[in-house]
Amino acid sequence: MAGYTEELLLQDGKATTYITEAGFDDDGSMTFTATLLSGDVCRA
């Protein structure tokens, strides 16, 4: 699952976030690393 890219859209149809990596924590919960169009990187 790691390494795929997905584009997320707002209701107005503008792309806001690109998920660049997805994986799992040691406890089995999913993690995402997202790179925003502004250049900010956040993890969830």
Protein backbone atom coordinates (compact mmCIF):
# COMPACT_ATOMS: atom_id res chain seq x y z
CA MET A 1 0.00 0.00 0.00
CA ALA A 2 2.94 2.33 0.54
CA GLY A 3 3.93 4.67 -2.23
CA TYR A 4 0.65 5.22 -3.99
CA THR A 5 -0.54 8.72 -4.87
CA GLU A 6 -4.09 9.95 -4.56
CA GLU A 7 -5.51 13.37 -5.28
CA LEU A 8 -8.14 14.65 -2.86
CA LEU A 9 -10.65 17.21 -4.04
CA LEU A 10 -12.70 19.82 -2.23
CA GLN A 11 -16.33 20.39 -3.11
CA ASP A 12 -15.33 23.21 -5.46
CA GLY A 13 -13.28 20.69 -7.45
CA LYS A 14 -9.86 22.16 -6.69
CA ALA A 15 -7.12 19.79 -5.69
CA THR A 16 -5.83 20.50 -2.20
CA THR A 17 -3.87 17.49 -1.06
CA TYR A 18 -1.76 14.76 -2.56
CA ILE A 19 -1.25 11.66 -0.47
CA THR A 20 2.25 10.53 -1.26
CA GLU A 21 2.66 7.64 1.15
CA ALA A 22 0.39 5.38 3.14
CA GLY A 23 1.33 2.67 5.55
CA PHE A 24 0.59 1.12 8.92
CA ASP A 25 1.83 1.88 12.41
CA ASP A 26 3.09 -0.94 14.60
CA ASP A 27 -0.35 -1.12 16.25
CA GLY A 28 -2.01 -1.64 12.86
CA SER A 29 -3.52 1.81 12.39
CA MET A 30 -3.14 3.46 9.00
CA THR A 31 -0.81 6.40 8.54
CA PHE A 32 -0.65 8.89 5.69
CA THR A 33 1.96 11.41 4.67
CA ALA A 34 0.31 14.18 2.68
CA THR A 35 2.00 16.94 0.73
CA LEU A 36 -0.22 20.01 0.36
CA LEU A 37 -0.16 22.18 -2.73
CA SER A 38 1.30 24.90 -0.53
CA GLY A 39 4.34 22.68 -0.05
CA ASP A 40 3.56 21.80 3.55
CA VAL A 41 3.90 18.17 4.55
CA CYS A 42 1.72 16.66 7.22
CA ARG A 43 1.24 13.22 8.67
CA ALA A 44 -2.02 11.69 9.83
